[in-house]
Amino acid sequence: MRIRSIAIAVTAALALAPLAAPVAARAFRKGDLTISAPWTRQTAAGQSVGGGFMIIANSGVQADQLVDGTSPAAERVEIHSMSLEGGVMRMRHLNGGLAIPPRGSVALAPGGYHIMLIGLKRPLALGARVPVTLHFRRAGRVEISLAVESVAFQASEAQHGGH
């Protein structure tokens, strides 16, 4: 009986192993830019928007700018910021894009900068990948995929590899 329990536990652990580090190991590169740990949260039926989060690093000596994006999963992709003003969280569309400093990085995370997937064509299912093309002023188009994580997923798990 004990051997059977151990065998079931090992089988379950092996089956779940690919989910243990879903986005920490995922990175996309183009020119001086590296987009790492891209993820989004699963959505419910009828939910029309979703957020996209990642770290964008620029190893170059010139700034770049995330201008906008596209995705077959949504009608449009916009760049937004969140800020606390007078005790109220406010979200703003960044019409001019988001600057990525030279030899620096910008974190897109819940409660801060993020991309918005607006007009979702279907719910974002846990474990799926959402294709997104980011448009940068210098680097041009960068194709990435957002890992769809659970609603309870924490940004620190994606951005710090779970440590």
N, C-alpha and C. Protein backbone atom coordinates (compact mmCIF):
# COMPACT_ATOMS: atom_id res chain seq x y z
N MET A 1 0.82 -1.18 0.00
CA MET A 1 0.00 0.00 0.00
C MET A 1 0.87 1.26 0.00
N ARG A 2 1.93 1.26 0.83
CA ARG A 2 2.83 2.42 0.91
C ARG A 2 3.53 2.65 -0.42
N ILE A 3 3.96 1.59 -1.10
CA ILE A 3 4.64 1.72 -2.38
C ILE A 3 3.69 2.33 -3.41
N ARG A 4 2.44 1.91 -3.37
CA ARG A 4 1.46 2.46 -4.31
C ARG A 4 1.26 3.96 -4.08
N SER A 5 1.20 4.39 -2.82
CA SER A 5 1.04 5.81 -2.49
C SER A 5 2.23 6.62 -2.99
N ILE A 6 3.43 6.07 -2.80
CA ILE A 6 4.64 6.74 -3.27
C ILE A 6 4.62 6.83 -4.79
N ALA A 7 4.24 5.76 -5.47
CA ALA A 7 4.18 5.76 -6.93
C ALA A 7 3.19 6.81 -7.44
N ILE A 8 2.05 6.93 -6.79
CA ILE A 8 1.06 7.93 -7.20
C ILE A 8 1.61 9.33 -6.98
N ALA A 9 2.28 9.56 -5.85
CA ALA A 9 2.85 10.88 -5.56
C ALA A 9 3.93 11.25 -6.57
N VAL A 10 4.79 10.29 -6.90
CA VAL A 10 5.86 10.55 -7.88
C VAL A 10 5.25 10.85 -9.25
N THR A 11 4.26 10.07 -9.66
CA THR A 11 3.60 10.29 -10.94
C THR A 11 2.97 11.67 -10.99
N ALA A 12 2.29 12.08 -9.92
CA ALA A 12 1.67 13.41 -9.87
C ALA A 12 2.72 14.50 -9.93
N ALA A 13 3.82 14.34 -9.21
CA ALA A 13 4.89 15.34 -9.21
C ALA A 13 5.50 15.49 -10.60
N LEU A 14 5.73 14.37 -11.27
CA LEU A 14 6.29 14.43 -12.62
C LEU A 14 5.31 15.07 -13.60
N ALA A 15 4.04 14.81 -13.43
CA ALA A 15 3.03 15.39 -14.32
C ALA A 15 2.93 16.89 -14.12
N LEU A 16 3.14 17.37 -12.91
CA LEU A 16 3.01 18.79 -12.62
C LEU A 16 4.33 19.54 -12.77
N ALA A 17 5.43 18.87 -12.92
CA ALA A 17 6.74 19.52 -13.01
C ALA A 17 6.82 20.61 -14.06
N PRO A 18 6.27 20.42 -15.27
CA PRO A 18 6.37 21.49 -16.26
C PRO A 18 5.67 22.78 -15.81
N LEU A 19 4.74 22.70 -14.87
CA LEU A 19 4.03 23.89 -14.41
C LEU A 19 4.80 24.62 -13.32
N ALA A 20 5.83 24.03 -12.76
CA ALA A 20 6.53 24.61 -11.63
C ALA A 20 7.29 25.88 -12.00
N ALA A 21 7.81 25.99 -13.20
CA ALA A 21 8.56 27.19 -13.60
C ALA A 21 8.04 27.66 -14.95
N PRO A 22 6.78 28.04 -15.03
CA PRO A 22 6.18 28.31 -16.32
C PRO A 22 6.73 29.53 -17.04
N VAL A 23 6.93 30.63 -16.35
CA VAL A 23 7.33 31.83 -17.07
C VAL A 23 8.74 32.29 -16.72
N ALA A 24 9.28 31.82 -15.62
CA ALA A 24 10.59 32.30 -15.21
C ALA A 24 11.65 32.01 -16.26
N ALA A 25 11.53 30.89 -16.96
CA ALA A 25 12.54 30.50 -17.94
C ALA A 25 12.25 31.05 -19.33
N ARG A 26 11.16 31.74 -19.52
CA ARG A 26 10.73 32.20 -20.83
C ARG A 26 11.28 33.59 -21.12
N ALA A 27 12.05 33.75 -22.20
CA ALA A 27 12.58 35.05 -22.58
C ALA A 27 12.56 35.17 -24.11
N PHE A 28 12.34 36.37 -24.57
CA PHE A 28 12.30 36.67 -26.00
C PHE A 28 13.28 37.81 -26.25
N ARG A 29 14.09 37.67 -27.30
CA ARG A 29 15.12 38.68 -27.58
C ARG A 29 15.01 39.20 -29.01
N LYS A 30 15.29 40.50 -29.13
CA LYS A 30 15.44 41.11 -30.45
C LYS A 30 16.36 42.31 -30.29
N GLY A 31 17.46 42.29 -31.00
CA GLY A 31 18.42 43.38 -30.89
C GLY A 31 18.89 43.54 -29.45
N ASP A 32 18.78 44.75 -28.93
CA ASP A 32 19.21 45.04 -27.57
C ASP A 32 18.15 44.73 -26.52
N LEU A 33 16.97 44.32 -26.95
CA LEU A 33 15.88 44.09 -26.01
C LEU A 33 15.73 42.62 -25.62
N THR A 34 15.43 42.41 -24.34
CA THR A 34 15.07 41.09 -23.84
C THR A 34 13.77 41.24 -23.07
N ILE A 35 12.77 40.48 -23.46
CA ILE A 35 11.48 40.47 -22.76
C ILE A 35 11.43 39.15 -22.01
N SER A 36 11.38 39.24 -20.69
CA SER A 36 11.40 38.02 -19.89
C SER A 36 10.17 37.91 -19.00
N ALA A 37 9.87 36.68 -18.64
CA ALA A 37 8.77 36.32 -17.73
C ALA A 37 7.43 36.93 -18.15
N PRO A 38 7.03 36.82 -19.42
CA PRO A 38 5.73 37.37 -19.83
C PRO A 38 4.57 36.48 -19.38
N TRP A 39 3.57 37.09 -18.76
CA TRP A 39 2.45 36.31 -18.27
C TRP A 39 1.18 37.16 -18.21
N THR A 40 0.07 36.48 -18.06
CA THR A 40 -1.23 37.10 -17.86
C THR A 40 -2.02 36.20 -16.92
N ARG A 41 -3.12 36.72 -16.43
CA ARG A 41 -3.98 35.90 -15.57
C ARG A 41 -5.12 35.32 -16.38
N GLN A 42 -5.57 34.13 -15.97
CA GLN A 42 -6.72 33.53 -16.62
C GLN A 42 -7.93 34.45 -16.42
N THR A 43 -8.86 34.40 -17.37
CA THR A 43 -10.05 35.23 -17.29
C THR A 43 -11.29 34.35 -17.28
N ALA A 44 -12.38 34.94 -16.83
CA ALA A 44 -13.66 34.23 -16.78
C ALA A 44 -14.46 34.51 -18.04
N ALA A 45 -15.42 33.66 -18.31
CA ALA A 45 -16.31 33.87 -19.45
C ALA A 45 -16.97 35.24 -19.31
N GLY A 46 -17.01 35.98 -20.39
CA GLY A 46 -17.63 37.30 -20.38
C GLY A 46 -16.68 38.43 -20.00
N GLN A 47 -15.50 38.11 -19.50
CA GLN A 47 -14.52 39.14 -19.16
C GLN A 47 -13.90 39.65 -20.46
N SER A 48 -13.93 40.95 -20.66
CA SER A 48 -13.51 41.50 -21.95
C SER A 48 -12.08 42.03 -21.97
N VAL A 49 -11.41 42.09 -20.82
CA VAL A 49 -10.04 42.62 -20.77
C VAL A 49 -9.15 41.71 -19.94
N GLY A 50 -7.87 41.81 -20.22
CA GLY A 50 -6.86 41.10 -19.44
C GLY A 50 -5.58 41.92 -19.44
N GLY A 51 -4.76 41.73 -18.44
CA GLY A 51 -3.49 42.45 -18.35
C GLY A 51 -2.33 41.57 -18.74
N GLY A 52 -1.28 42.18 -19.25
CA GLY A 52 -0.07 41.46 -19.61
C GLY A 52 1.11 42.04 -18.86
N PHE A 53 1.95 41.15 -18.33
CA PHE A 53 3.04 41.57 -17.46
C PHE A 53 4.34 40.92 -17.90
N MET A 54 5.45 41.60 -17.68
CA MET A 54 6.76 41.11 -18.13
C MET A 54 7.83 42.07 -17.66
N ILE A 55 9.06 41.74 -17.93
CA ILE A 55 10.18 42.65 -17.72
C ILE A 55 10.81 42.90 -19.08
N ILE A 56 11.00 44.18 -19.42
CA ILE A 56 11.63 44.55 -20.68
C ILE A 56 12.98 45.17 -20.34
N ALA A 57 14.06 44.53 -20.77
CA ALA A 57 15.42 45.01 -20.50
C ALA A 57 16.05 45.49 -21.81
N ASN A 58 16.78 46.58 -21.73
CA ASN A 58 17.47 47.17 -22.87
C ASN A 58 18.96 47.19 -22.56
N SER A 59 19.73 46.35 -23.25
CA SER A 59 21.17 46.30 -23.02
C SER A 59 21.93 47.31 -23.88
N GLY A 60 21.23 48.02 -24.73
CA GLY A 60 21.86 48.96 -25.65
C GLY A 60 22.18 50.31 -25.01
N VAL A 61 22.83 51.15 -25.80
CA VAL A 61 23.21 52.49 -25.33
C VAL A 61 22.19 53.55 -25.73
N GLN A 62 21.15 53.15 -26.46
CA GLN A 62 20.09 54.07 -26.84
C GLN A 62 18.76 53.60 -26.27
N ALA A 63 17.96 54.55 -25.85
CA ALA A 63 16.63 54.23 -25.33
C ALA A 63 15.76 53.66 -26.45
N ASP A 64 14.77 52.90 -26.08
CA ASP A 64 13.75 52.44 -27.01
C ASP A 64 12.41 52.79 -26.39
N GLN A 65 11.36 52.52 -27.10
CA GLN A 65 10.04 52.86 -26.60
C GLN A 65 9.03 51.81 -27.05
N LEU A 66 8.31 51.25 -26.08
CA LEU A 66 7.20 50.35 -26.38
C LEU A 66 6.04 51.23 -26.81
N VAL A 67 5.64 51.11 -28.07
CA VAL A 67 4.63 52.00 -28.64
C VAL A 67 3.22 51.41 -28.51
N ASP A 68 3.04 50.16 -28.88
CA ASP A 68 1.75 49.48 -28.76
C ASP A 68 1.96 48.00 -29.06
N GLY A 69 0.89 47.30 -29.33
CA GLY A 69 0.99 45.89 -29.64
C GLY A 69 -0.26 45.39 -30.33
N THR A 70 -0.21 44.13 -30.72
CA THR A 70 -1.36 43.46 -31.34
C THR A 70 -1.40 42.03 -30.83
N SER A 71 -2.58 41.43 -30.90
CA SER A 71 -2.74 40.03 -30.52
C SER A 71 -3.97 39.46 -31.19
N PRO A 72 -3.88 38.24 -31.70
CA PRO A 72 -5.07 37.61 -32.27
C PRO A 72 -6.11 37.27 -31.19
N ALA A 73 -5.72 37.36 -29.91
CA ALA A 73 -6.63 37.04 -28.82
C ALA A 73 -7.51 38.22 -28.40
N ALA A 74 -7.19 39.43 -28.92
CA ALA A 74 -7.92 40.63 -28.49
C ALA A 74 -8.10 41.59 -29.67
N GLU A 75 -9.10 42.43 -29.54
CA GLU A 75 -9.35 43.44 -30.58
C GLU A 75 -8.21 44.45 -30.65
N ARG A 76 -7.67 44.81 -29.48
CA ARG A 76 -6.53 45.73 -29.47
C ARG A 76 -5.68 45.53 -28.22
N VAL A 77 -4.44 46.02 -28.30
CA VAL A 77 -3.50 45.96 -27.19
C VAL A 77 -3.02 47.37 -26.92
N GLU A 78 -3.14 47.81 -25.67
CA GLU A 78 -2.71 49.15 -25.29
C GLU A 78 -1.72 49.06 -24.14
N ILE A 79 -0.95 50.12 -23.96
CA ILE A 79 -0.02 50.23 -22.84
C ILE A 79 -0.66 51.14 -21.80
N HIS A 80 -0.70 50.67 -20.55
CA HIS A 80 -1.35 51.42 -19.48
C HIS A 80 -0.42 51.56 -18.29
N SER A 81 -0.76 52.52 -17.44
CA SER A 81 -0.09 52.66 -16.14
C SER A 81 -1.15 52.75 -15.06
N MET A 82 -0.78 52.34 -13.87
CA MET A 82 -1.64 52.47 -12.70
C MET A 82 -0.89 53.36 -11.72
N SER A 83 -1.63 54.24 -11.05
CA SER A 83 -1.02 55.08 -10.02
C SER A 83 -2.04 55.37 -8.94
N LEU A 84 -1.54 55.62 -7.75
CA LEU A 84 -2.39 55.93 -6.61
C LEU A 84 -2.48 57.45 -6.51
N GLU A 85 -3.68 57.98 -6.65
CA GLU A 85 -3.91 59.43 -6.58
C GLU A 85 -5.02 59.71 -5.59
N GLY A 86 -4.68 60.37 -4.49
CA GLY A 86 -5.67 60.69 -3.49
C GLY A 86 -6.35 59.47 -2.90
N GLY A 87 -5.60 58.39 -2.75
CA GLY A 87 -6.15 57.17 -2.18
C GLY A 87 -6.94 56.32 -3.17
N VAL A 88 -6.96 56.72 -4.44
CA VAL A 88 -7.70 55.98 -5.46
C VAL A 88 -6.75 55.53 -6.56
N MET A 89 -6.83 54.25 -6.93
CA MET A 89 -6.02 53.74 -8.03
C MET A 89 -6.60 54.22 -9.36
N ARG A 90 -5.76 54.78 -10.20
CA ARG A 90 -6.18 55.27 -11.50
C ARG A 90 -5.38 54.57 -12.59
N MET A 91 -6.08 54.17 -13.65
CA MET A 91 -5.43 53.55 -14.79
C MET A 91 -5.47 54.53 -15.95
N ARG A 92 -4.32 54.66 -16.63
CA ARG A 92 -4.24 55.57 -17.78
C ARG A 92 -3.62 54.86 -18.97
N HIS A 93 -4.19 55.16 -20.14
CA HIS A 93 -3.61 54.69 -21.40
C HIS A 93 -2.42 55.58 -21.71
N LEU A 94 -1.27 54.99 -21.98
CA LEU A 94 -0.07 55.76 -22.32
C LEU A 94 -0.02 55.96 -23.83
N ASN A 95 -0.65 57.01 -24.29
CA ASN A 95 -0.71 57.29 -25.72
C ASN A 95 0.66 57.42 -26.37
N GLY A 96 1.62 57.97 -25.64
CA GLY A 96 2.95 58.16 -26.19
C GLY A 96 3.86 56.96 -26.03
N GLY A 97 3.37 55.88 -25.44
CA GLY A 97 4.17 54.68 -25.25
C GLY A 97 4.92 54.70 -23.93
N LEU A 98 5.79 53.74 -23.77
CA LEU A 98 6.55 53.55 -22.54
C LEU A 98 8.03 53.50 -22.86
N ALA A 99 8.81 54.43 -22.27
CA ALA A 99 10.25 54.50 -22.52
C ALA A 99 10.96 53.33 -21.84
N ILE A 100 11.90 52.73 -22.58
CA ILE A 100 12.77 51.68 -22.05
C ILE A 100 14.18 52.28 -22.05
N PRO A 101 14.72 52.61 -20.88
CA PRO A 101 15.99 53.34 -20.83
C PRO A 101 17.18 52.51 -21.32
N PRO A 102 18.21 53.18 -21.82
CA PRO A 102 19.42 52.45 -22.21
C PRO A 102 20.06 51.80 -20.98
N ARG A 103 20.55 50.58 -21.18
CA ARG A 103 21.18 49.82 -20.10
C ARG A 103 20.30 49.78 -18.84
N GLY A 104 19.01 49.64 -19.09
CA GLY A 104 18.06 49.60 -17.98
C GLY A 104 16.90 48.67 -18.30
N SER A 105 15.94 48.63 -17.41
CA SER A 105 14.78 47.78 -17.63
C SER A 105 13.54 48.42 -17.02
N VAL A 106 12.40 47.96 -17.49
CA VAL A 106 11.11 48.39 -16.97
C VAL A 106 10.29 47.15 -16.68
N ALA A 107 9.73 47.10 -15.47
CA ALA A 107 8.87 45.99 -15.09
C ALA A 107 7.42 46.35 -15.37
N LEU A 108 6.74 45.50 -16.11
CA LEU A 108 5.30 45.61 -16.30
C LEU A 108 4.70 44.62 -15.33
N ALA A 109 3.99 45.14 -14.31
CA ALA A 109 3.52 44.30 -13.20
C ALA A 109 2.16 44.79 -12.72
N PRO A 110 1.40 43.92 -12.08
CA PRO A 110 0.11 44.35 -11.54
C PRO A 110 0.30 45.57 -10.64
N GLY A 111 -0.57 46.55 -10.81
CA GLY A 111 -0.49 47.78 -10.02
C GLY A 111 0.44 48.83 -10.58
N GLY A 112 1.06 48.55 -11.73
CA GLY A 112 1.99 49.51 -12.34
C GLY A 112 1.79 49.53 -13.84
N TYR A 113 2.89 49.61 -14.57
CA TYR A 113 2.81 49.55 -16.03
C TYR A 113 2.35 48.15 -16.44
N HIS A 114 1.59 48.06 -17.52
CA HIS A 114 1.15 46.77 -18.04
C HIS A 114 0.59 46.98 -19.45
N ILE A 115 0.44 45.88 -20.17
CA ILE A 115 -0.30 45.96 -21.42
C ILE A 115 -1.72 45.50 -21.13
N MET A 116 -2.67 46.09 -21.83
CA MET A 116 -4.08 45.69 -21.70
C MET A 116 -4.51 45.01 -22.98
N LEU A 117 -5.05 43.81 -22.83
CA LEU A 117 -5.66 43.09 -23.94
C LEU A 117 -7.14 43.45 -23.88
N ILE A 118 -7.59 44.24 -24.83
CA ILE A 118 -8.95 44.78 -24.80
C ILE A 118 -9.80 44.12 -25.87
N GLY A 119 -11.01 43.74 -25.48
CA GLY A 119 -11.90 43.05 -26.40
C GLY A 119 -11.47 41.62 -26.61
N LEU A 120 -11.28 40.90 -25.50
CA LEU A 120 -10.87 39.49 -25.61
C LEU A 120 -11.88 38.71 -26.45
N LYS A 121 -11.36 37.89 -27.32
CA LYS A 121 -12.22 37.12 -28.23
C LYS A 121 -12.73 35.84 -27.58
N ARG A 122 -12.05 35.39 -26.52
CA ARG A 122 -12.48 34.22 -25.73
C ARG A 122 -11.72 34.29 -24.41
N PRO A 123 -12.20 33.59 -23.39
CA PRO A 123 -11.49 33.61 -22.10
C PRO A 123 -10.05 33.09 -22.24
N LEU A 124 -9.17 33.65 -21.44
CA LEU A 124 -7.78 33.19 -21.40
C LEU A 124 -7.73 32.01 -20.44
N ALA A 125 -7.43 30.83 -20.97
CA ALA A 125 -7.51 29.58 -20.21
C ALA A 125 -6.19 29.29 -19.50
N LEU A 126 -6.29 28.86 -18.27
CA LEU A 126 -5.13 28.49 -17.47
C LEU A 126 -4.25 27.50 -18.24
N GLY A 127 -2.95 27.80 -18.29
CA GLY A 127 -2.00 26.92 -18.96
C GLY A 127 -1.79 27.23 -20.43
N ALA A 128 -2.64 28.07 -21.01
CA ALA A 128 -2.50 28.42 -22.42
C ALA A 128 -1.40 29.46 -22.60
N ARG A 129 -1.08 29.75 -23.84
CA ARG A 129 -0.15 30.83 -24.18
C ARG A 129 -0.88 31.78 -25.10
N VAL A 130 -0.72 33.07 -24.86
CA VAL A 130 -1.39 34.11 -25.65
C VAL A 130 -0.34 34.80 -26.51
N PRO A 131 -0.43 34.68 -27.83
CA PRO A 131 0.54 35.37 -28.68
C PRO A 131 0.28 36.87 -28.69
N VAL A 132 1.37 37.63 -28.57
CA VAL A 132 1.31 39.09 -28.60
C VAL A 132 2.50 39.58 -29.40
N THR A 133 2.28 40.56 -30.25
CA THR A 133 3.38 41.23 -30.94
C THR A 133 3.51 42.62 -30.35
N LEU A 134 4.66 42.89 -29.73
CA LEU A 134 4.94 44.20 -29.18
C LEU A 134 5.62 45.05 -30.24
N HIS A 135 5.26 46.32 -30.30
CA HIS A 135 5.84 47.23 -31.29
C HIS A 135 6.72 48.26 -30.57
N PHE A 136 8.01 48.25 -30.91
CA PHE A 136 8.97 49.18 -30.34
C PHE A 136 9.44 50.16 -31.40
N ARG A 137 9.74 51.38 -30.98
CA ARG A 137 10.17 52.42 -31.93
C ARG A 137 11.47 52.02 -32.63
N ARG A 138 12.45 51.52 -31.91
CA ARG A 138 13.75 51.16 -32.51
C ARG A 138 13.81 49.69 -32.92
N ALA A 139 13.43 48.81 -32.04
CA ALA A 139 13.58 47.37 -32.29
C ALA A 139 12.53 46.83 -33.24
N GLY A 140 11.44 47.57 -33.43
CA GLY A 140 10.38 47.09 -34.32
C GLY A 140 9.48 46.10 -33.60
N ARG A 141 9.01 45.12 -34.34
CA ARG A 141 8.06 44.13 -33.80
C ARG A 141 8.80 42.99 -33.10
N VAL A 142 8.30 42.65 -31.90
CA VAL A 142 8.85 41.53 -31.14
C VAL A 142 7.70 40.61 -30.78
N GLU A 143 7.76 39.38 -31.28
CA GLU A 143 6.70 38.40 -31.00
C GLU A 143 7.02 37.67 -29.71
N ILE A 144 6.05 37.68 -28.80
CA ILE A 144 6.18 36.99 -27.52
C ILE A 144 4.94 36.15 -27.29
N SER A 145 4.93 35.40 -26.21
CA SER A 145 3.70 34.73 -25.79
C SER A 145 3.58 34.88 -24.28
N LEU A 146 2.38 35.21 -23.84
CA LEU A 146 2.10 35.35 -22.42
C LEU A 146 1.62 34.01 -21.87
N ALA A 147 2.25 33.52 -20.83
CA ALA A 147 1.78 32.31 -20.16
C ALA A 147 0.55 32.69 -19.33
N VAL A 148 -0.52 31.92 -19.47
CA VAL A 148 -1.73 32.20 -18.70
C VAL A 148 -1.63 31.48 -17.36
N GLU A 149 -1.58 32.28 -16.30
CA GLU A 149 -1.42 31.77 -14.94
C GLU A 149 -2.74 31.88 -14.17
N SER A 150 -2.78 31.29 -13.00
CA SER A 150 -3.98 31.35 -12.16
C SER A 150 -4.19 32.77 -11.64
N VAL A 151 -5.39 33.05 -11.23
CA VAL A 151 -5.72 34.36 -10.68
C VAL A 151 -4.87 34.64 -9.45
N ALA A 152 -4.50 33.61 -8.70
CA ALA A 152 -3.73 33.78 -7.47
C ALA A 152 -2.22 33.94 -7.73
N PHE A 153 -1.77 33.77 -8.97
CA PHE A 153 -0.35 33.85 -9.30
C PHE A 153 0.20 35.21 -8.91
N GLN A 154 1.38 35.24 -8.33
CA GLN A 154 2.01 36.49 -7.89
C GLN A 154 3.09 36.91 -8.86
N ALA A 155 3.19 38.21 -9.10
CA ALA A 155 4.19 38.74 -10.02
C ALA A 155 5.60 38.33 -9.62
N SER A 156 5.88 38.28 -8.33
CA SER A 156 7.23 37.94 -7.89
C SER A 156 7.62 36.54 -8.31
N GLU A 157 6.66 35.63 -8.48
CA GLU A 157 6.97 34.28 -8.94
C GLU A 157 7.50 34.31 -10.36
N ALA A 158 6.94 35.18 -11.19
CA ALA A 158 7.37 35.26 -12.58
C ALA A 158 8.67 36.03 -12.71
N GLN A 159 8.79 37.12 -11.97
CA GLN A 159 9.91 38.02 -12.17
C GLN A 159 11.15 37.62 -11.40
N HIS A 160 10.99 36.73 -10.43
CA HIS A 160 12.16 36.33 -9.65
C HIS A 160 12.33 34.82 -9.61
N GLY A 161 11.66 34.14 -10.51
CA GLY A 161 11.83 32.70 -10.60
C GLY A 161 11.39 31.95 -9.36
N GLY A 162 10.47 32.55 -8.59
CA GLY A 162 9.95 31.88 -7.42
C GLY A 162 10.83 32.04 -6.18
N HIS A 163 11.84 32.92 -6.24
CA HIS A 163 12.65 33.13 -5.03
C HIS A 163 12.77 34.59 -4.70
